[in-house]
Amino acid sequence: MDHRRKKNPSRKPASRLFDWRRFDPAMVKSDDLPSLAEELTTYRDRLPELVEHEGEYVIIKGRECEILPDRESALQYALDHYWPEAALVHRIRAKQPYDSVGGAEL
């Protein structure tokens, strides 16, 4: 009888977590194109107060933040206030699951 552990095909592998407290703006490759490095840095810097609203959404433009309860209202706020410029709309969490495919991080 084979006593080796069999793989369970329905079991998902554990997600890797990115800790936003460790974000470094040098991680963003901009190739001299506009990027959201300043907004991501603001997210990192304001994380202690943002995690009080974990699960909600934050809109960040430069150093300004607005917190809204759901994705749809956050996207609408970003469009109404910042279009056609880019703004970061992000679900608030201290650690974020991510996956990689090939060499790309998703």
Protein backbone atom coordinates (compact mmCIF):
# COMPACT_ATOMS: atom_id res chain seq x y z
CA MET A 1 0.00 0.00 0.00
CA ASP A 2 1.29 3.45 -0.96
CA HIS A 3 1.33 5.72 2.10
CA ARG A 4 2.65 8.81 0.32
CA ARG A 5 0.46 11.84 0.60
CA LYS A 6 -1.69 12.36 -2.45
CA LYS A 7 -2.20 15.83 -3.85
CA ASN A 8 -5.68 17.20 -3.47
CA PRO A 9 -6.55 18.81 -6.82
CA SER A 10 -9.31 20.94 -5.28
CA ARG A 11 -6.97 22.49 -2.71
CA LYS A 12 -5.56 25.85 -3.77
CA PRO A 13 -1.95 26.69 -2.95
CA ALA A 14 -1.51 29.31 -0.25
CA SER A 15 -1.41 32.87 -1.58
CA ARG A 16 1.71 34.89 -1.11
CA LEU A 17 1.18 38.19 0.70
CA PHE A 18 2.71 41.56 -0.09
CA ASP A 19 3.23 43.63 3.06
CA TRP A 20 2.53 47.26 2.09
CA ARG A 21 4.63 48.46 5.03
CA ARG A 22 7.66 47.27 3.04
CA PHE A 23 6.78 49.10 -0.19
CA ASP A 24 9.69 50.97 -1.75
CA PRO A 25 9.00 53.43 -4.60
CA ALA A 26 12.04 51.98 -6.40
CA MET A 27 9.88 48.87 -7.00
CA VAL A 28 7.88 50.85 -9.58
CA LYS A 29 9.44 50.77 -13.04
CA SER A 30 8.14 53.85 -14.85
CA ASP A 31 10.38 53.99 -17.95
CA ASP A 32 9.93 57.80 -17.77
CA LEU A 33 6.16 57.35 -18.08
CA PRO A 34 3.67 58.62 -15.49
CA SER A 35 3.32 56.16 -12.62
CA LEU A 36 1.43 55.92 -9.36
CA ALA A 37 4.62 55.71 -7.25
CA GLU A 38 3.67 58.81 -5.23
CA GLU A 39 0.19 57.43 -4.57
CA LEU A 40 1.56 54.02 -3.55
CA THR A 41 4.01 55.75 -1.21
CA THR A 42 1.12 57.74 0.30
CA TYR A 43 -0.75 54.45 0.81
CA ARG A 44 2.26 52.98 2.63
CA ASP A 45 2.81 56.09 4.75
CA ARG A 46 -0.86 56.40 5.78
CA LEU A 47 -1.41 52.67 6.26
CA PRO A 48 -1.73 52.84 10.08
CA GLU A 49 -4.79 55.09 9.80
CA LEU A 50 -6.12 53.39 6.64
CA VAL A 51 -6.26 49.89 8.14
CA GLU A 52 -8.89 51.19 10.56
CA HIS A 53 -11.09 51.07 7.42
CA GLU A 54 -9.87 47.67 6.19
CA GLY A 55 -12.08 46.27 3.44
CA GLU A 56 -13.21 49.70 2.27
CA TYR A 57 -11.65 51.56 -0.67
CA VAL A 58 -9.25 54.49 -0.74
CA ILE A 59 -8.75 56.92 -3.60
CA ILE A 60 -5.34 58.57 -3.58
CA LYS A 61 -4.12 61.40 -5.79
CA GLY A 62 -0.69 62.64 -4.77
CA ARG A 63 -0.91 62.95 -0.98
CA GLU A 64 -4.72 63.38 -0.82
CA CYS A 65 -6.90 60.46 0.36
CA GLU A 66 -10.62 59.79 0.34
CA ILE A 67 -12.17 56.63 1.84
CA LEU A 68 -15.38 55.16 0.44
CA PRO A 69 -17.28 52.00 1.39
CA ASP A 70 -17.29 50.15 -1.94
CA ARG A 71 -15.46 49.83 -5.24
CA GLU A 72 -18.18 51.36 -7.41
CA SER A 73 -18.44 54.57 -5.39
CA ALA A 74 -14.63 54.79 -5.21
CA LEU A 75 -14.29 54.48 -8.98
CA GLN A 76 -17.02 57.07 -9.52
CA TYR A 77 -15.32 59.46 -7.10
CA ALA A 78 -12.00 59.05 -8.94
CA LEU A 79 -13.67 59.74 -12.30
CA ASP A 80 -15.60 62.76 -11.00
CA HIS A 81 -12.61 64.37 -9.28
CA TYR A 82 -9.50 63.37 -11.22
CA TRP A 83 -10.41 62.38 -14.79
CA PRO A 84 -8.51 62.46 -17.15
CA GLU A 85 -5.54 62.13 -14.77
CA ALA A 86 -4.74 58.85 -13.03
CA ALA A 87 -5.57 58.23 -9.38
CA LEU A 88 -5.07 55.13 -7.26
CA VAL A 89 -8.25 53.25 -6.27
CA HIS A 90 -7.32 50.47 -3.87
CA ARG A 91 -9.04 48.14 -1.43
CA ILE A 92 -7.60 48.83 2.00
CA ARG A 93 -5.57 46.02 3.54
CA ALA A 94 -2.17 45.84 5.19
CA LYS A 95 -1.15 42.68 3.37
CA GLN A 96 -2.36 41.88 -0.10
CA PRO A 97 -2.39 38.46 -1.77
CA TYR A 98 -0.63 38.27 -5.11
CA ASP A 99 0.23 35.65 -7.69
CA SER A 100 2.86 35.41 -10.36
CA VAL A 101 2.63 34.08 -13.89
CA GLY A 102 5.95 33.55 -15.58
CA GLY A 103 8.01 36.60 -14.67
CA ALA A 104 5.01 38.90 -14.10
CA GLU A 105 3.61 39.64 -10.67
CA LEU A 106 -0.19 39.94 -10.60
